[in-house]
């Protein structure tokens, strides 16, 4: 983007730069590591890998997935939740192995 324009269209160039920066701010953390949303199936797979049975690995959030999440939270000294929240997602992310 340095010095280039989108089809010589200055407003389109500005919009494109704004969208790019917004995307990177939303999907990269301070260490420039990717921070994409976890799908329900990914959450279920992490719970399963950690030894907590979320029920069928089908990408559908239900009672068993929530029970598995709260069991994981309990194992990490965290209070139970009634839904998949940001703190739980942060915990799940910390367990991902790259």
PDB file of N, CA and C in Angstrom:
ATOM      1  N   UNK A   1       0.797  -1.207   0.000  1.00  0.00           N
ATOM      2  CA  UNK A   1       0.000   0.000   0.000  1.00  0.00           C
ATOM      3  C   UNK A   1       0.841   1.273   0.000  1.00  0.00           C
ATOM      4  N   UNK A   2       2.115   1.146   0.281  1.00  0.00           N
ATOM      5  CA  UNK A   2       2.976   2.325   0.365  1.00  0.00           C
ATOM      6  C   UNK A   2       3.079   3.011  -0.991  1.00  0.00           C
ATOM      7  N   UNK A   3       2.435   4.145  -1.135  1.00  0.00           N
ATOM      8  CA  UNK A   3       2.533   4.933  -2.343  1.00  0.00           C
ATOM      9  C   UNK A   3       1.654   4.480  -3.492  1.00  0.00           C
ATOM     10  N   UNK A   4       0.887   3.421  -3.315  1.00  0.00           N
ATOM     11  CA  UNK A   4       0.048   2.921  -4.397  1.00  0.00           C
ATOM     12  C   UNK A   4      -1.397   3.342  -4.179  1.00  0.00           C
ATOM     13  N   UNK A   5      -2.120   3.459  -5.259  1.00  0.00           N
ATOM     14  CA  UNK A   5      -3.522   3.823  -5.198  1.00  0.00           C
ATOM     15  C   UNK A   5      -4.353   2.713  -5.832  1.00  0.00           C
ATOM     16  N   UNK A   6      -5.574   2.594  -5.367  1.00  0.00           N
ATOM     17  CA  UNK A   6      -6.502   1.626  -5.942  1.00  0.00           C
ATOM     18  C   UNK A   6      -7.092   2.263  -7.184  1.00  0.00           C
ATOM     19  N   UNK A   7      -6.590   1.846  -8.363  1.00  0.00           N
ATOM     20  CA  UNK A   7      -7.102   2.381  -9.621  1.00  0.00           C
ATOM     21  C   UNK A   7      -7.064   3.896  -9.693  1.00  0.00           C
ATOM     22  N   UNK A   8      -6.056   4.506  -9.078  1.00  0.00           N
ATOM     23  CA  UNK A   8      -5.936   5.973  -9.036  1.00  0.00           C
ATOM     24  C   UNK A   8      -7.111   6.635  -8.340  1.00  0.00           C
ATOM     25  N   UNK A   9      -7.852   5.888  -7.532  1.00  0.00           N
ATOM     26  CA  UNK A   9      -9.016   6.409  -6.830  1.00  0.00           C
ATOM     27  C   UNK A   9      -8.613   6.641  -5.374  1.00  0.00           C
ATOM     28  N   UNK A  10      -8.394   7.891  -5.013  1.00  0.00           N
ATOM     29  CA  UNK A  10      -7.911   8.234  -3.671  1.00  0.00           C
ATOM     30  C   UNK A  10      -8.888   7.792  -2.579  1.00  0.00           C
ATOM     31  N   UNK A  11     -10.208   8.040  -2.686  1.00  0.00           N
ATOM     32  CA  UNK A  11     -11.118   7.560  -1.646  1.00  0.00           C
ATOM     33  C   UNK A  11     -11.105   6.032  -1.505  1.00  0.00           C
ATOM     34  N   UNK A  12     -11.020   5.325  -2.627  1.00  0.00           N
ATOM     35  CA  UNK A  12     -10.963   3.859  -2.561  1.00  0.00           C
ATOM     36  C   UNK A  12      -9.668   3.402  -1.910  1.00  0.00           C
ATOM     37  N   UNK A  13      -8.569   4.117  -2.178  1.00  0.00           N
ATOM     38  CA  UNK A  13      -7.286   3.785  -1.567  1.00  0.00           C
ATOM     39  C   UNK A  13      -7.362   3.965  -0.050  1.00  0.00           C
ATOM     40  N   UNK A  14      -7.921   5.096   0.384  1.00  0.00           N
ATOM     41  CA  UNK A  14      -8.067   5.338   1.822  1.00  0.00           C
ATOM     42  C   UNK A  14      -8.957   4.278   2.475  1.00  0.00           C
ATOM     43  N   UNK A  15     -10.062   3.943   1.811  1.00  0.00           N
ATOM     44  CA  UNK A  15     -10.966   2.930   2.338  1.00  0.00           C
ATOM     45  C   UNK A  15     -10.260   1.576   2.432  1.00  0.00           C
ATOM     46  N   UNK A  16      -9.498   1.234   1.412  1.00  0.00           N
ATOM     47  CA  UNK A  16      -8.779  -0.042   1.402  1.00  0.00           C
ATOM     48  C   UNK A  16      -7.758  -0.094   2.542  1.00  0.00           C
ATOM     49  N   UNK A  17      -7.026   0.980   2.743  1.00  0.00           N
ATOM     50  CA  UNK A  17      -6.050   1.029   3.849  1.00  0.00           C
ATOM     51  C   UNK A  17      -6.758   0.916   5.198  1.00  0.00           C
ATOM     52  N   UNK A  18      -7.868   1.629   5.343  1.00  0.00           N
ATOM     53  CA  UNK A  18      -8.613   1.585   6.603  1.00  0.00           C
ATOM     54  C   UNK A  18      -9.091   0.167   6.878  1.00  0.00           C
ATOM     55  N   UNK A  19      -9.629  -0.506   5.854  1.00  0.00           N
ATOM     56  CA  UNK A  19     -10.110  -1.881   6.020  1.00  0.00           C
ATOM     57  C   UNK A  19      -8.968  -2.833   6.382  1.00  0.00           C
ATOM     58  N   UNK A  20      -7.809  -2.657   5.758  1.00  0.00           N
ATOM     59  CA  UNK A  20      -6.660  -3.509   6.053  1.00  0.00           C
ATOM     60  C   UNK A  20      -6.220  -3.324   7.510  1.00  0.00           C
ATOM     61  N   UNK A  21      -6.080  -2.102   7.945  1.00  0.00           N
ATOM     62  CA  UNK A  21      -5.647  -1.830   9.316  1.00  0.00           C
ATOM     63  C   UNK A  21      -6.679  -2.346  10.309  1.00  0.00           C
ATOM     64  N   UNK A  22      -7.951  -2.142  10.029  1.00  0.00           N
ATOM     65  CA  UNK A  22      -9.015  -2.644  10.901  1.00  0.00           C
ATOM     66  C   UNK A  22      -8.960  -4.157  11.007  1.00  0.00           C
ATOM     67  N   UNK A  23      -8.748  -4.837   9.879  1.00  0.00           N
ATOM     68  CA  UNK A  23      -8.644  -6.298   9.881  1.00  0.00           C
ATOM     69  C   UNK A  23      -7.486  -6.752  10.760  1.00  0.00           C
ATOM     70  N   UNK A  24      -6.304  -6.154  10.563  1.00  0.00           N
ATOM     71  CA  UNK A  24      -5.143  -6.580  11.338  1.00  0.00           C
ATOM     72  C   UNK A  24      -5.309  -6.285  12.827  1.00  0.00           C
ATOM     73  N   UNK A  25      -5.907  -5.157  13.167  1.00  0.00           N
ATOM     74  CA  UNK A  25      -6.152  -4.857  14.577  1.00  0.00           C
ATOM     75  C   UNK A  25      -7.107  -5.867  15.201  1.00  0.00           C
ATOM     76  N   UNK A  26      -8.067  -6.337  14.425  1.00  0.00           N
ATOM     77  CA  UNK A  26      -9.054  -7.289  14.938  1.00  0.00           C
ATOM     78  C   UNK A  26      -8.492  -8.705  15.038  1.00  0.00           C
ATOM     79  N   UNK A  27      -7.516  -9.046  14.187  1.00  0.00           N
ATOM     80  CA  UNK A  27      -7.079 -10.435  14.089  1.00  0.00           C
ATOM     81  C   UNK A  27      -5.626 -10.696  14.459  1.00  0.00           C
ATOM     82  N   UNK A  28      -4.899  -9.685  14.913  1.00  0.00           N
ATOM     83  CA  UNK A  28      -3.533  -9.881  15.388  1.00  0.00           C
ATOM     84  C   UNK A  28      -3.419  -9.291  16.783  1.00  0.00           C
ATOM     85  N   UNK A  29      -2.697  -9.991  17.663  1.00  0.00           N
ATOM     86  CA  UNK A  29      -2.490  -9.431  18.989  1.00  0.00           C
ATOM     87  C   UNK A  29      -1.226  -8.577  18.979  1.00  0.00           C
ATOM     88  N   UNK A  30      -0.807  -8.102  20.142  1.00  0.00           N
ATOM     89  CA  UNK A  30       0.333  -7.198  20.231  1.00  0.00           C
ATOM     90  C   UNK A  30       1.627  -7.861  19.750  1.00  0.00           C
ATOM     91  N   UNK A  31       1.703  -9.180  19.863  1.00  0.00           N
ATOM     92  CA  UNK A  31       2.876  -9.914  19.404  1.00  0.00           C
ATOM     93  C   UNK A  31       2.773 -10.337  17.952  1.00  0.00           C
ATOM     94  N   UNK A  32       1.802  -9.786  17.233  1.00  0.00           N
ATOM     95  CA  UNK A  32       1.539 -10.084  15.830  1.00  0.00           C
ATOM     96  C   UNK A  32       1.206 -11.560  15.598  1.00  0.00           C
ATOM     97  N   UNK A  33       0.595 -12.194  16.601  1.00  0.00           N
ATOM     98  CA  UNK A  33       0.099 -13.559  16.447  1.00  0.00           C
ATOM     99  C   UNK A  33      -1.364 -13.493  16.021  1.00  0.00           C
ATOM    100  N   UNK A  34      -1.761 -14.430  15.180  1.00  0.00           N
ATOM    101  CA  UNK A  34      -3.131 -14.451  14.670  1.00  0.00           C
ATOM    102  C   UNK A  34      -4.112 -14.681  15.812  1.00  0.00           C
ATOM    103  N   UNK A  35      -5.180 -13.909  15.811  1.00  0.00           N
ATOM    104  CA  UNK A  35      -6.228 -14.005  16.819  1.00  0.00           C
ATOM    105  C   UNK A  35      -7.576 -14.079  16.100  1.00  0.00           C
ATOM    106  N   UNK A  36      -7.881 -15.255  15.568  1.00  0.00           N
ATOM    107  CA  UNK A  36      -9.146 -15.447  14.873  1.00  0.00           C
ATOM    108  C   UNK A  36     -10.159 -16.057  15.824  1.00  0.00           C
ATOM    109  N   UNK A  37     -11.434 -15.849  15.568  1.00  0.00           N
ATOM    110  CA  UNK A  37     -12.445 -16.454  16.439  1.00  0.00           C
ATOM    111  C   UNK A  37     -12.375 -17.978  16.382  1.00  0.00           C
ATOM    112  N   UNK A  38     -12.649 -18.608  17.508  1.00  0.00           N
ATOM    113  CA  UNK A  38     -12.733 -20.070  17.547  1.00  0.00           C
ATOM    114  C   UNK A  38     -14.135 -20.492  17.167  1.00  0.00           C
ATOM    115  N   UNK A  39     -14.239 -21.512  16.335  1.00  0.00           N
ATOM    116  CA  UNK A  39     -15.559 -22.057  16.010  1.00  0.00           C
ATOM    117  C   UNK A  39     -15.990 -22.971  17.161  1.00  0.00           C
ATOM    118  N   UNK A  40     -17.263 -23.279  17.226  1.00  0.00           N
ATOM    119  CA  UNK A  40     -17.776 -24.191  18.252  1.00  0.00           C
ATOM    120  C   UNK A  40     -17.101 -25.555  18.105  1.00  0.00           C
ATOM    121  N   UNK A  41     -16.899 -25.999  16.877  1.00  0.00           N
ATOM    122  CA  UNK A  41     -16.227 -27.281  16.655  1.00  0.00           C
ATOM    123  C   UNK A  41     -14.804 -27.245  17.187  1.00  0.00           C
ATOM    124  N   UNK A  42     -14.085 -26.144  16.991  1.00  0.00           N
ATOM    125  CA  UNK A  42     -12.727 -26.021  17.536  1.00  0.00           C
ATOM    126  C   UNK A  42     -12.763 -26.051  19.057  1.00  0.00           C
ATOM    127  N   UNK A  43     -13.727 -25.357  19.653  1.00  0.00           N
ATOM    128  CA  UNK A  43     -13.882 -25.366  21.109  1.00  0.00           C
ATOM    129  C   UNK A  43     -14.130 -26.795  21.590  1.00  0.00           C
ATOM    130  N   UNK A  44     -15.039 -27.498  20.922  1.00  0.00           N
ATOM    131  CA  UNK A  44     -15.337 -28.880  21.312  1.00  0.00           C
ATOM    132  C   UNK A  44     -14.094 -29.763  21.179  1.00  0.00           C
ATOM    133  N   UNK A  45     -13.314 -29.571  20.144  1.00  0.00           N
ATOM    134  CA  UNK A  45     -12.096 -30.364  19.967  1.00  0.00           C
ATOM    135  C   UNK A  45     -11.068 -30.082  21.052  1.00  0.00           C
ATOM    136  N   UNK A  46     -10.933 -28.826  21.451  1.00  0.00           N
ATOM    137  CA  UNK A  46     -10.002 -28.479  22.531  1.00  0.00           C
ATOM    138  C   UNK A  46     -10.477 -29.115  23.833  1.00  0.00           C
ATOM    139  N   UNK A  47     -11.767 -28.988  24.127  1.00  0.00           N
ATOM    140  CA  UNK A  47     -12.320 -29.589  25.347  1.00  0.00           C
ATOM    141  C   UNK A  47     -12.075 -31.092  25.348  1.00  0.00           C
ATOM    142  N   UNK A  48     -12.330 -31.737  24.229  1.00  0.00           N
ATOM    143  CA  UNK A  48     -12.128 -33.179  24.103  1.00  0.00           C
ATOM    144  C   UNK A  48     -10.658 -33.544  24.309  1.00  0.00           C
ATOM    145  N   UNK A  49      -9.762 -32.790  23.704  1.00  0.00           N
ATOM    146  CA  UNK A  49      -8.325 -33.042  23.837  1.00  0.00           C
ATOM    147  C   UNK A  49      -7.854 -32.867  25.281  1.00  0.00           C
ATOM    148  N   UNK A  50      -8.541 -32.020  26.028  1.00  0.00           N
ATOM    149  CA  UNK A  50      -8.187 -31.778  27.429  1.00  0.00           C
ATOM    150  C   UNK A  50      -8.856 -32.779  28.367  1.00  0.00           C
ATOM    151  N   UNK A  51      -9.595 -33.736  27.792  1.00  0.00           N
ATOM    152  CA  UNK A  51     -10.211 -34.787  28.596  1.00  0.00           C
ATOM    153  C   UNK A  51     -11.591 -34.461  29.136  1.00  0.00           C
ATOM    154  N   UNK A  52     -12.244 -33.472  28.558  1.00  0.00           N
ATOM    155  CA  UNK A  52     -13.593 -33.080  28.986  1.00  0.00           C
ATOM    156  C   UNK A  52     -14.554 -33.360  27.828  1.00  0.00           C
ATOM    157  N   UNK A  53     -15.539 -34.224  28.055  1.00  0.00           N
ATOM    158  CA  UNK A  53     -16.435 -34.684  26.996  1.00  0.00           C
ATOM    159  C   UNK A  53     -17.504 -33.653  26.664  1.00  0.00           C
ATOM    160  N   UNK A  54     -17.390 -33.002  25.483  1.00  0.00           N
ATOM    161  CA  UNK A  54     -18.397 -32.017  25.087  1.00  0.00           C
ATOM    162  C   UNK A  54     -19.580 -32.635  24.348  1.00  0.00           C
ATOM    163  N   UNK A  55     -19.649 -33.959  24.325  1.00  0.00           N
ATOM    164  CA  UNK A  55     -20.682 -34.631  23.536  1.00  0.00           C
ATOM    165  C   UNK A  55     -20.191 -34.802  22.114  1.00  0.00           C
ATOM    166  N   UNK A  56     -21.118 -34.954  21.167  1.00  0.00           N
ATOM    167  CA  UNK A  56     -20.707 -35.137  19.772  1.00  0.00           C
ATOM    168  C   UNK A  56     -19.892 -33.945  19.263  1.00  0.00           C
ATOM    169  N   UNK A  57     -18.822 -34.225  18.544  1.00  0.00           N
ATOM    170  CA  UNK A  57     -18.010 -33.158  17.955  1.00  0.00           C
ATOM    171  C   UNK A  57     -18.680 -32.738  16.647  1.00  0.00           C
ATOM    172  N   UNK A  58     -19.718 -31.901  16.800  1.00  0.00           N
ATOM    173  CA  UNK A  58     -20.563 -31.577  15.659  1.00  0.00           C
ATOM    174  C   UNK A  58     -20.717 -30.075  15.403  1.00  0.00           C
ATOM    175  N   UNK A  59     -20.039 -29.243  16.188  1.00  0.00           N
ATOM    176  CA  UNK A  59     -20.146 -27.799  16.006  1.00  0.00           C
ATOM    177  C   UNK A  59     -21.428 -27.200  16.540  1.00  0.00           C
ATOM    178  N   UNK A  60     -22.165 -27.981  17.324  1.00  0.00           N
ATOM    179  CA  UNK A  60     -23.418 -27.509  17.902  1.00  0.00           C
ATOM    180  C   UNK A  60     -23.243 -27.365  19.413  1.00  0.00           C
ATOM    181  N   UNK A  61     -23.450 -26.169  19.937  1.00  0.00           N
ATOM    182  CA  UNK A  61     -23.257 -25.900  21.361  1.00  0.00           C
ATOM    183  C   UNK A  61     -24.494 -26.341  22.128  1.00  0.00           C
ATOM    184  N   UNK A  62     -24.285 -27.145  23.155  1.00  0.00           N
ATOM    185  CA  UNK A  62     -25.400 -27.617  23.958  1.00  0.00           C
ATOM    186  C   UNK A  62     -24.982 -27.829  25.407  1.00  0.00           C
ATOM    187  N   UNK A  63     -25.852 -28.501  26.157  1.00  0.00           N
ATOM    188  CA  UNK A  63     -25.648 -28.721  27.578  1.00  0.00           C
ATOM    189  C   UNK A  63     -24.323 -29.426  27.869  1.00  0.00           C
ATOM    190  N   UNK A  64     -24.012 -30.467  27.102  1.00  0.00           N
ATOM    191  CA  UNK A  64     -22.786 -31.223  27.365  1.00  0.00           C
ATOM    192  C   UNK A  64     -21.539 -30.396  27.067  1.00  0.00           C
ATOM    193  N   UNK A  65     -21.598 -29.572  26.048  1.00  0.00           N
ATOM    194  CA  UNK A  65     -20.453 -28.699  25.744  1.00  0.00           C
ATOM    195  C   UNK A  65     -20.237 -27.711  26.881  1.00  0.00           C
ATOM    196  N   UNK A  66     -21.326 -27.152  27.406  1.00  0.00           N
ATOM    197  CA  UNK A  66     -21.216 -26.212  28.519  1.00  0.00           C
ATOM    198  C   UNK A  66     -20.696 -26.910  29.772  1.00  0.00           C
ATOM    199  N   UNK A  67     -21.160 -28.123  30.036  1.00  0.00           N
ATOM    200  CA  UNK A  67     -20.659 -28.875  31.195  1.00  0.00           C
ATOM    201  C   UNK A  67     -19.170 -29.148  31.052  1.00  0.00           C
ATOM    202  N   UNK A  68     -18.730 -29.510  29.853  1.00  0.00           N
ATOM    203  CA  UNK A  68     -17.304 -29.756  29.618  1.00  0.00           C
ATOM    204  C   UNK A  68     -16.501 -28.472  29.804  1.00  0.00           C
ATOM    205  N   UNK A  69     -17.036 -27.357  29.315  1.00  0.00           N
ATOM    206  CA  UNK A  69     -16.365 -26.070  29.483  1.00  0.00           C
ATOM    207  C   UNK A  69     -16.220 -25.734  30.959  1.00  0.00           C
ATOM    208  N   UNK A  70     -17.285 -25.917  31.732  1.00  0.00           N
ATOM    209  CA  UNK A  70     -17.219 -25.602  33.159  1.00  0.00           C
ATOM    210  C   UNK A  70     -16.300 -26.564  33.914  1.00  0.00           C
ATOM    211  N   UNK A  71     -16.206 -27.801  33.474  1.00  0.00           N
ATOM    212  CA  UNK A  71     -15.252 -28.735  34.077  1.00  0.00           C
ATOM    213  C   UNK A  71     -13.821 -28.257  33.809  1.00  0.00           C
ATOM    214  N   UNK A  72     -13.574 -27.802  32.588  1.00  0.00           N
ATOM    215  CA  UNK A  72     -12.252 -27.259  32.253  1.00  0.00           C
ATOM    216  C   UNK A  72     -11.972 -26.009  33.077  1.00  0.00           C
ATOM    217  N   UNK A  73     -12.947 -25.129  33.174  1.00  0.00           N
ATOM    218  CA  UNK A  73     -12.771 -23.906  33.967  1.00  0.00           C
ATOM    219  C   UNK A  73     -12.476 -24.251  35.423  1.00  0.00           C
ATOM    220  N   UNK A  74     -13.190 -25.233  35.968  1.00  0.00           N
ATOM    221  CA  UNK A  74     -12.962 -25.659  37.348  1.00  0.00           C
ATOM    222  C   UNK A  74     -11.545 -26.187  37.525  1.00  0.00           C
ATOM    223  N   UNK A  75     -11.071 -26.951  36.544  1.00  0.00           N
ATOM    224  CA  UNK A  75      -9.708 -27.498  36.606  1.00  0.00           C
ATOM    225  C   UNK A  75      -8.655 -26.396  36.584  1.00  0.00           C
ATOM    226  N   UNK A  76      -9.051 -25.222  36.101  1.00  0.00           N
ATOM    227  CA  UNK A  76      -8.135 -24.081  36.055  1.00  0.00           C
ATOM    228  C   UNK A  76      -8.538 -23.001  37.061  1.00  0.00           C
ATOM    229  N   UNK A  77      -9.252 -23.427  38.105  1.00  0.00           N
ATOM    230  CA  UNK A  77      -9.642 -22.541  39.217  1.00  0.00           C
ATOM    231  C   UNK A  77     -10.445 -21.324  38.764  1.00  0.00           C
ATOM    232  N   UNK A  78     -11.380 -21.559  37.855  1.00  0.00           N
ATOM    233  CA  UNK A  78     -12.250 -20.480  37.390  1.00  0.00           C
ATOM    234  C   UNK A  78     -13.695 -20.835  37.695  1.00  0.00           C
ATOM    235  N   UNK A  79     -14.491 -19.814  37.920  1.00  0.00           N
ATOM    236  CA  UNK A  79     -15.907 -19.984  38.236  1.00  0.00           C
ATOM    237  C   UNK A  79     -16.675 -20.515  37.028  1.00  0.00           C
ATOM    238  N   UNK A  80     -17.768 -21.252  37.270  1.00  0.00           N
ATOM    239  CA  UNK A  80     -18.602 -21.707  36.153  1.00  0.00           C
ATOM    240  C   UNK A  80     -19.277 -20.528  35.450  1.00  0.00           C
ATOM    241  N   UNK A  81     -19.615 -20.756  34.186  1.00  0.00           N
ATOM    242  CA  UNK A  81     -20.296 -19.745  33.376  1.00  0.00           C
ATOM    243  C   UNK A  81     -21.564 -20.354  32.785  1.00  0.00           C
ATOM    244  N   UNK A  82     -22.430 -19.501  32.290  1.00  0.00           N
ATOM    245  CA  UNK A  82     -23.666 -19.987  31.676  1.00  0.00           C
ATOM    246  C   UNK A  82     -23.593 -19.959  30.149  1.00  0.00           C
ATOM    247  N   UNK A  83     -22.487 -19.447  29.621  1.00  0.00           N
ATOM    248  CA  UNK A  83     -22.296 -19.386  28.176  1.00  0.00           C
ATOM    249  C   UNK A  83     -20.805 -19.293  27.880  1.00  0.00           C
ATOM    250  N   UNK A  84     -20.458 -19.494  26.638  1.00  0.00           N
ATOM    251  CA  UNK A  84     -19.069 -19.370  26.196  1.00  0.00           C
ATOM    252  C   UNK A  84     -18.710 -17.888  26.193  1.00  0.00           C
ATOM    253  N   UNK A  85     -17.853 -17.481  27.120  1.00  0.00           N
ATOM    254  CA  UNK A  85     -17.520 -16.068  27.270  1.00  0.00           C
ATOM    255  C   UNK A  85     -16.073 -15.801  26.865  1.00  0.00           C
ATOM    256  N   UNK A  86     -15.671 -14.527  26.898  1.00  0.00           N
ATOM    257  CA  UNK A  86     -14.327 -14.136  26.480  1.00  0.00           C
ATOM    258  C   UNK A  86     -13.245 -14.772  27.349  1.00  0.00           C
ATOM    259  N   UNK A  87     -13.486 -14.867  28.656  1.00  0.00           N
ATOM    260  CA  UNK A  87     -12.504 -15.475  29.550  1.00  0.00           C
ATOM    261  C   UNK A  87     -12.306 -16.955  29.198  1.00  0.00           C
ATOM    262  N   UNK A  88     -13.390 -17.640  28.890  1.00  0.00           N
ATOM    263  CA  UNK A  88     -13.299 -19.053  28.509  1.00  0.00           C
ATOM    264  C   UNK A  88     -12.551 -19.209  27.192  1.00  0.00           C
ATOM    265  N   UNK A  89     -12.816 -18.321  26.261  1.00  0.00           N
ATOM    266  CA  UNK A  89     -12.118 -18.378  24.970  1.00  0.00           C
ATOM    267  C   UNK A  89     -10.628 -18.137  25.172  1.00  0.00           C
ATOM    268  N   UNK A  90     -10.282 -17.193  26.038  1.00  0.00           N
ATOM    269  CA  UNK A  90      -8.862 -16.948  26.323  1.00  0.00           C
ATOM    270  C   UNK A  90      -8.211 -18.185  26.937  1.00  0.00           C
ATOM    271  N   UNK A  91      -8.921 -18.845  27.848  1.00  0.00           N
ATOM    272  CA  UNK A  91      -8.412 -20.082  28.449  1.00  0.00           C
ATOM    273  C   UNK A  91      -8.212 -21.149  27.381  1.00  0.00           C
ATOM    274  N   UNK A  92      -9.216 -21.331  26.527  1.00  0.00           N
ATOM    275  CA  UNK A  92      -9.123 -22.337  25.455  1.00  0.00           C
ATOM    276  C   UNK A  92      -7.948 -22.026  24.520  1.00  0.00           C
ATOM    277  N   UNK A  93      -7.783 -20.766  24.172  1.00  0.00           N
ATOM    278  CA  UNK A  93      -6.663 -20.368  23.302  1.00  0.00           C
ATOM    279  C   UNK A  93      -5.321 -20.696  23.949  1.00  0.00           C
ATOM    280  N   UNK A  94      -5.242 -20.494  25.255  1.00  0.00           N
ATOM    281  CA  UNK A  94      -3.968 -20.746  25.943  1.00  0.00           C
ATOM    282  C   UNK A  94      -3.590 -22.226  25.898  1.00  0.00           C
ATOM    283  N   UNK A  95      -4.565 -23.090  25.645  1.00  0.00           N
ATOM    284  CA  UNK A  95      -4.325 -24.527  25.599  1.00  0.00           C
ATOM    285  C   UNK A  95      -3.972 -25.023  24.202  1.00  0.00           C
ATOM    286  N   UNK A  96      -4.150 -24.167  23.201  1.00  0.00           N
ATOM    287  CA  UNK A  96      -3.824 -24.575  21.826  1.00  0.00           C
ATOM    288  C   UNK A  96      -2.319 -24.744  21.687  1.00  0.00           C
ATOM    289  N   UNK A  97      -1.931 -25.795  21.018  1.00  0.00           N
ATOM    290  CA  UNK A  97      -0.520 -26.051  20.762  1.00  0.00           C
ATOM    291  C   UNK A  97      -0.238 -25.795  19.290  1.00  0.00           C
ATOM    292  N   UNK A  98       0.714 -24.911  19.010  1.00  0.00           N
ATOM    293  CA  UNK A  98       1.088 -24.623  17.606  1.00  0.00           C
ATOM    294  C   UNK A  98       2.450 -25.183  17.340  1.00  0.00           C
TER     295      UNK A  98
END
